[in-house]
Amino acid sequence: MTYKAPIKDMLFGIKHIANIDAIAQIPGFEDAGFDTAQAVLEECAKFNEGVLSPLNWEGDKNPSF
């Protein structure tokens, strides 16, 4: 079983629901824009898909119902 992080869905929520562009206008949060969020999510997705997901192989094979 492979895991694919829902980056598009998360970015939609960050941009349209959380309104990250307005947050980036607050003093002290200038670097917390959409581009930064996208870069962080993409790197987190690589880690989760490549490192964490394979660790749960036994749980995927024998799920607890």
PDB file of N, CA and C in Angstrom:
ATOM      1  N   MET A   1       0.853  -1.179   0.000  1.00  0.00           N
ATOM      2  CA  MET A   1       0.000   0.000   0.000  1.00  0.00           C
ATOM      3  C   MET A   1       0.900   1.245   0.000  1.00  0.00           C
ATOM      4  N   THR A   2       0.630   2.164  -0.883  1.00  0.00           N
ATOM      5  CA  THR A   2       1.435   3.377  -0.953  1.00  0.00           C
ATOM      6  C   THR A   2       0.606   4.571  -0.510  1.00  0.00           C
ATOM      7  N   TYR A   3       1.311   5.532   0.060  1.00  0.00           N
ATOM      8  CA  TYR A   3       0.666   6.751   0.534  1.00  0.00           C
ATOM      9  C   TYR A   3       1.052   7.901  -0.386  1.00  0.00           C
ATOM     10  N   LYS A   4       0.085   8.680  -0.781  1.00  0.00           N
ATOM     11  CA  LYS A   4       0.312   9.878  -1.592  1.00  0.00           C
ATOM     12  C   LYS A   4      -0.297  11.050  -0.830  1.00  0.00           C
ATOM     13  N   ALA A   5       0.537  11.966  -0.405  1.00  0.00           N
ATOM     14  CA  ALA A   5       0.073  13.117   0.365  1.00  0.00           C
ATOM     15  C   ALA A   5      -0.841  14.006  -0.485  1.00  0.00           C
ATOM     16  N   PRO A   6      -1.964  14.444   0.070  1.00  0.00           N
ATOM     17  CA  PRO A   6      -2.909  15.285  -0.682  1.00  0.00           C
ATOM     18  C   PRO A   6      -2.482  16.759  -0.667  1.00  0.00           C
ATOM     19  N   ILE A   7      -1.374  17.046  -1.306  1.00  0.00           N
ATOM     20  CA  ILE A   7      -0.802  18.391  -1.281  1.00  0.00           C
ATOM     21  C   ILE A   7      -1.750  19.426  -1.883  1.00  0.00           C
ATOM     22  N   LYS A   8      -2.377  19.093  -3.004  1.00  0.00           N
ATOM     23  CA  LYS A   8      -3.286  20.058  -3.649  1.00  0.00           C
ATOM     24  C   LYS A   8      -4.425  20.443  -2.716  1.00  0.00           C
ATOM     25  N   ASP A   9      -4.987  19.469  -2.018  1.00  0.00           N
ATOM     26  CA  ASP A   9      -6.082  19.743  -1.089  1.00  0.00           C
ATOM     27  C   ASP A   9      -5.622  20.612   0.073  1.00  0.00           C
ATOM     28  N   MET A  10      -4.439  20.301   0.613  1.00  0.00           N
ATOM     29  CA  MET A  10      -3.911  21.090   1.729  1.00  0.00           C
ATOM     30  C   MET A  10      -3.616  22.525   1.299  1.00  0.00           C
ATOM     31  N   LEU A  11      -3.037  22.675   0.106  1.00  0.00           N
ATOM     32  CA  LEU A  11      -2.728  24.018  -0.381  1.00  0.00           C
ATOM     33  C   LEU A  11      -4.000  24.822  -0.650  1.00  0.00           C
ATOM     34  N   PHE A  12      -5.040  24.161  -1.121  1.00  0.00           N
ATOM     35  CA  PHE A  12      -6.315  24.841  -1.322  1.00  0.00           C
ATOM     36  C   PHE A  12      -6.834  25.400   0.006  1.00  0.00           C
ATOM     37  N   GLY A  13      -6.787  24.586   1.037  1.00  0.00           N
ATOM     38  CA  GLY A  13      -7.236  25.035   2.353  1.00  0.00           C
ATOM     39  C   GLY A  13      -6.395  26.179   2.894  1.00  0.00           C
ATOM     40  N   ILE A  14      -5.095  26.090   2.708  1.00  0.00           N
ATOM     41  CA  ILE A  14      -4.199  27.142   3.188  1.00  0.00           C
ATOM     42  C   ILE A  14      -4.452  28.449   2.452  1.00  0.00           C
ATOM     43  N   LYS A  15      -4.663  28.365   1.151  1.00  0.00           N
ATOM     44  CA  LYS A  15      -4.826  29.586   0.352  1.00  0.00           C
ATOM     45  C   LYS A  15      -6.223  30.196   0.489  1.00  0.00           C
ATOM     46  N   HIS A  16      -7.262  29.370   0.400  1.00  0.00           N
ATOM     47  CA  HIS A  16      -8.619  29.908   0.324  1.00  0.00           C
ATOM     48  C   HIS A  16      -9.359  29.942   1.657  1.00  0.00           C
ATOM     49  N   ILE A  17      -9.107  28.974   2.512  1.00  0.00           N
ATOM     50  CA  ILE A  17      -9.810  28.940   3.786  1.00  0.00           C
ATOM     51  C   ILE A  17      -9.041  29.696   4.859  1.00  0.00           C
ATOM     52  N   ALA A  18      -7.736  29.416   4.969  1.00  0.00           N
ATOM     53  CA  ALA A  18      -6.926  30.096   5.979  1.00  0.00           C
ATOM     54  C   ALA A  18      -6.465  31.477   5.525  1.00  0.00           C
ATOM     55  N   ASN A  19      -6.573  31.761   4.231  1.00  0.00           N
ATOM     56  CA  ASN A  19      -6.190  33.056   3.655  1.00  0.00           C
ATOM     57  C   ASN A  19      -4.760  33.441   4.030  1.00  0.00           C
ATOM     58  N   ILE A  20      -3.828  32.602   3.604  1.00  0.00           N
ATOM     59  CA  ILE A  20      -2.429  32.798   3.959  1.00  0.00           C
ATOM     60  C   ILE A  20      -1.862  34.120   3.428  1.00  0.00           C
ATOM     61  N   ASP A  21      -2.429  34.635   2.350  1.00  0.00           N
ATOM     62  CA  ASP A  21      -1.943  35.914   1.829  1.00  0.00           C
ATOM     63  C   ASP A  21      -2.204  37.045   2.824  1.00  0.00           C
ATOM     64  N   ALA A  22      -3.321  36.992   3.525  1.00  0.00           N
ATOM     65  CA  ALA A  22      -3.611  38.000   4.549  1.00  0.00           C
ATOM     66  C   ALA A  22      -2.710  37.818   5.762  1.00  0.00           C
ATOM     67  N   ILE A  23      -2.408  36.582   6.089  1.00  0.00           N
ATOM     68  CA  ILE A  23      -1.522  36.320   7.222  1.00  0.00           C
ATOM     69  C   ILE A  23      -0.126  36.838   6.929  1.00  0.00           C
ATOM     70  N   ALA A  24       0.320  36.716   5.691  1.00  0.00           N
ATOM     71  CA  ALA A  24       1.652  37.181   5.307  1.00  0.00           C
ATOM     72  C   ALA A  24       1.773  38.701   5.358  1.00  0.00           C
ATOM     73  N   GLN A  25       0.656  39.407   5.474  1.00  0.00           N
ATOM     74  CA  GLN A  25       0.694  40.868   5.579  1.00  0.00           C
ATOM     75  C   GLN A  25       0.909  41.335   7.018  1.00  0.00           C
ATOM     76  N   ILE A  26       0.756  40.449   7.989  1.00  0.00           N
ATOM     77  CA  ILE A  26       0.931  40.796   9.405  1.00  0.00           C
ATOM     78  C   ILE A  26       2.422  40.965   9.681  1.00  0.00           C
ATOM     79  N   PRO A  27       2.812  42.035  10.366  1.00  0.00           N
ATOM     80  CA  PRO A  27       4.230  42.217  10.691  1.00  0.00           C
ATOM     81  C   PRO A  27       4.778  41.019  11.468  1.00  0.00           C
ATOM     82  N   GLY A  28       5.918  40.543  11.019  1.00  0.00           N
ATOM     83  CA  GLY A  28       6.552  39.396  11.636  1.00  0.00           C
ATOM     84  C   GLY A  28       6.237  38.090  10.915  1.00  0.00           C
ATOM     85  N   PHE A  29       5.253  38.103  10.031  1.00  0.00           N
ATOM     86  CA  PHE A  29       4.857  36.902   9.298  1.00  0.00           C
ATOM     87  C   PHE A  29       5.056  37.064   7.789  1.00  0.00           C
ATOM     88  N   GLU A  30       5.911  37.977   7.402  1.00  0.00           N
ATOM     89  CA  GLU A  30       6.117  38.256   5.983  1.00  0.00           C
ATOM     90  C   GLU A  30       6.613  37.038   5.209  1.00  0.00           C
ATOM     91  N   ASP A  31       7.385  36.170   5.853  1.00  0.00           N
ATOM     92  CA  ASP A  31       7.934  34.995   5.175  1.00  0.00           C
ATOM     93  C   ASP A  31       6.964  33.816   5.182  1.00  0.00           C
ATOM     94  N   ALA A  32       5.810  33.977   5.801  1.00  0.00           N
ATOM     95  CA  ALA A  32       4.831  32.882   5.908  1.00  0.00           C
ATOM     96  C   ALA A  32       3.825  32.938   4.767  1.00  0.00           C
ATOM     97  N   GLY A  33       4.302  33.122   3.561  1.00  0.00           N
ATOM     98  CA  GLY A  33       3.415  33.220   2.413  1.00  0.00           C
ATOM     99  C   GLY A  33       3.103  31.875   1.793  1.00  0.00           C
ATOM    100  N   PHE A  34       2.359  31.904   0.724  1.00  0.00           N
ATOM    101  CA  PHE A  34       1.918  30.693   0.041  1.00  0.00           C
ATOM    102  C   PHE A  34       3.099  29.888  -0.499  1.00  0.00           C
ATOM    103  N   ASP A  35       4.101  30.555  -1.044  1.00  0.00           N
ATOM    104  CA  ASP A  35       5.255  29.848  -1.605  1.00  0.00           C
ATOM    105  C   ASP A  35       6.006  29.068  -0.528  1.00  0.00           C
ATOM    106  N   THR A  36       6.141  29.666   0.637  1.00  0.00           N
ATOM    107  CA  THR A  36       6.808  28.987   1.749  1.00  0.00           C
ATOM    108  C   THR A  36       5.993  27.778   2.193  1.00  0.00           C
ATOM    109  N   ALA A  37       4.693  27.952   2.323  1.00  0.00           N
ATOM    110  CA  ALA A  37       3.823  26.840   2.720  1.00  0.00           C
ATOM    111  C   ALA A  37       3.898  25.704   1.710  1.00  0.00           C
ATOM    112  N   GLN A  38       3.912  26.043   0.437  1.00  0.00           N
ATOM    113  CA  GLN A  38       3.986  25.023  -0.603  1.00  0.00           C
ATOM    114  C   GLN A  38       5.305  24.260  -0.522  1.00  0.00           C
ATOM    115  N   ALA A  39       6.412  24.964  -0.338  1.00  0.00           N
ATOM    116  CA  ALA A  39       7.713  24.316  -0.248  1.00  0.00           C
ATOM    117  C   ALA A  39       7.780  23.390   0.968  1.00  0.00           C
ATOM    118  N   VAL A  40       7.257  23.839   2.096  1.00  0.00           N
ATOM    119  CA  VAL A  40       7.268  23.019   3.309  1.00  0.00           C
ATOM    120  C   VAL A  40       6.408  21.772   3.116  1.00  0.00           C
ATOM    121  N   LEU A  41       5.218  21.933   2.566  1.00  0.00           N
ATOM    122  CA  LEU A  41       4.342  20.784   2.352  1.00  0.00           C
ATOM    123  C   LEU A  41       4.940  19.772   1.379  1.00  0.00           C
ATOM    124  N   GLU A  42       5.599  20.247   0.343  1.00  0.00           N
ATOM    125  CA  GLU A  42       6.209  19.334  -0.618  1.00  0.00           C
ATOM    126  C   GLU A  42       7.329  18.518   0.018  1.00  0.00           C
ATOM    127  N   GLU A  43       8.137  19.154   0.856  1.00  0.00           N
ATOM    128  CA  GLU A  43       9.215  18.437   1.543  1.00  0.00           C
ATOM    129  C   GLU A  43       8.657  17.476   2.585  1.00  0.00           C
ATOM    130  N   CYS A  44       7.609  17.876   3.284  1.00  0.00           N
ATOM    131  CA  CYS A  44       6.962  16.982   4.245  1.00  0.00           C
ATOM    132  C   CYS A  44       6.364  15.777   3.529  1.00  0.00           C
ATOM    133  N   ALA A  45       5.799  15.992   2.361  1.00  0.00           N
ATOM    134  CA  ALA A  45       5.216  14.900   1.588  1.00  0.00           C
ATOM    135  C   ALA A  45       6.296  13.898   1.181  1.00  0.00           C
ATOM    136  N   LYS A  46       7.453  14.397   0.759  1.00  0.00           N
ATOM    137  CA  LYS A  46       8.549  13.501   0.398  1.00  0.00           C
ATOM    138  C   LYS A  46       8.953  12.631   1.587  1.00  0.00           C
ATOM    139  N   PHE A  47       9.057  13.239   2.762  1.00  0.00           N
ATOM    140  CA  PHE A  47       9.437  12.503   3.964  1.00  0.00           C
ATOM    141  C   PHE A  47       8.378  11.471   4.332  1.00  0.00           C
ATOM    142  N   ASN A  48       7.120  11.882   4.324  1.00  0.00           N
ATOM    143  CA  ASN A  48       6.041  10.971   4.706  1.00  0.00           C
ATOM    144  C   ASN A  48       5.875   9.821   3.714  1.00  0.00           C
ATOM    145  N   GLU A  49       5.996  10.124   2.432  1.00  0.00           N
ATOM    146  CA  GLU A  49       5.825   9.089   1.411  1.00  0.00           C
ATOM    147  C   GLU A  49       7.021   8.147   1.343  1.00  0.00           C
ATOM    148  N   GLY A  50       8.216   8.681   1.549  1.00  0.00           N
ATOM    149  CA  GLY A  50       9.426   7.878   1.379  1.00  0.00           C
ATOM    150  C   GLY A  50       9.970   7.246   2.634  1.00  0.00           C
ATOM    151  N   VAL A  51       9.707   7.838   3.807  1.00  0.00           N
ATOM    152  CA  VAL A  51      10.298   7.342   5.052  1.00  0.00           C
ATOM    153  C   VAL A  51       9.241   6.750   5.982  1.00  0.00           C
ATOM    154  N   LEU A  52       8.220   7.521   6.296  1.00  0.00           N
ATOM    155  CA  LEU A  52       7.245   7.067   7.284  1.00  0.00           C
ATOM    156  C   LEU A  52       6.290   6.006   6.751  1.00  0.00           C
ATOM    157  N   SER A  53       5.798   6.190   5.559  1.00  0.00           N
ATOM    158  CA  SER A  53       4.817   5.251   5.009  1.00  0.00           C
ATOM    159  C   SER A  53       5.338   3.818   4.934  1.00  0.00           C
ATOM    160  N   PRO A  54       6.565   3.578   4.471  1.00  0.00           N
ATOM    161  CA  PRO A  54       7.053   2.197   4.429  1.00  0.00           C
ATOM    162  C   PRO A  54       7.199   1.555   5.806  1.00  0.00           C
ATOM    163  N   LEU A  55       7.306   2.349   6.864  1.00  0.00           N
ATOM    164  CA  LEU A  55       7.467   1.789   8.203  1.00  0.00           C
ATOM    165  C   LEU A  55       6.202   1.094   8.694  1.00  0.00           C
ATOM    166  N   ASN A  56       5.057   1.416   8.118  1.00  0.00           N
ATOM    167  CA  ASN A  56       3.797   0.841   8.556  1.00  0.00           C
ATOM    168  C   ASN A  56       3.385  -0.357   7.707  1.00  0.00           C
ATOM    169  N   TRP A  57       4.358  -1.045   7.112  1.00  0.00           N
ATOM    170  CA  TRP A  57       4.074  -2.181   6.240  1.00  0.00           C
ATOM    171  C   TRP A  57       3.312  -3.275   6.984  1.00  0.00           C
ATOM    172  N   GLU A  58       3.740  -3.613   8.188  1.00  0.00           N
ATOM    173  CA  GLU A  58       3.077  -4.663   8.956  1.00  0.00           C
ATOM    174  C   GLU A  58       1.648  -4.265   9.304  1.00  0.00           C
ATOM    175  N   GLY A  59       1.428  -3.007   9.651  1.00  0.00           N
ATOM    176  CA  GLY A  59       0.086  -2.532   9.945  1.00  0.00           C
ATOM    177  C   GLY A  59      -0.799  -2.527   8.705  1.00  0.00           C
ATOM    178  N   ASP A  60      -0.244  -2.259   7.555  1.00  0.00           N
ATOM    179  CA  ASP A  60      -1.003  -2.305   6.304  1.00  0.00           C
ATOM    180  C   ASP A  60      -1.381  -3.741   5.953  1.00  0.00           C
ATOM    181  N   LYS A  61      -0.461  -4.663   6.237  1.00  0.00           N
ATOM    182  CA  LYS A  61      -0.677  -6.065   5.913  1.00  0.00           C
ATOM    183  C   LYS A  61      -1.710  -6.707   6.858  1.00  0.00           C
ATOM    184  N   ASN A  62      -1.673  -6.302   8.129  1.00  0.00           N
ATOM    185  CA  ASN A  62      -2.583  -6.851   9.144  1.00  0.00           C
ATOM    186  C   ASN A  62      -3.307  -5.723   9.859  1.00  0.00           C
ATOM    187  N   PRO A  63      -4.293  -5.112   9.219  1.00  0.00           N
ATOM    188  CA  PRO A  63      -4.986  -3.977   9.845  1.00  0.00           C
ATOM    189  C   PRO A  63      -5.814  -4.414  11.048  1.00  0.00           C
ATOM    190  N   SER A  64      -5.995  -3.498  11.985  1.00  0.00           N
ATOM    191  CA  SER A  64      -6.841  -3.796  13.152  1.00  0.00           C
ATOM    192  C   SER A  64      -8.259  -3.348  12.830  1.00  0.00           C
ATOM    193  N   PHE A  65      -9.165  -4.280  12.755  1.00  0.00           N
ATOM    194  CA  PHE A  65     -10.555  -3.980  12.403  1.00  0.00           C
ATOM    195  C   PHE A  65     -11.377  -3.875  13.638  1.00  0.00           C
TER     196      PHE A  65
END
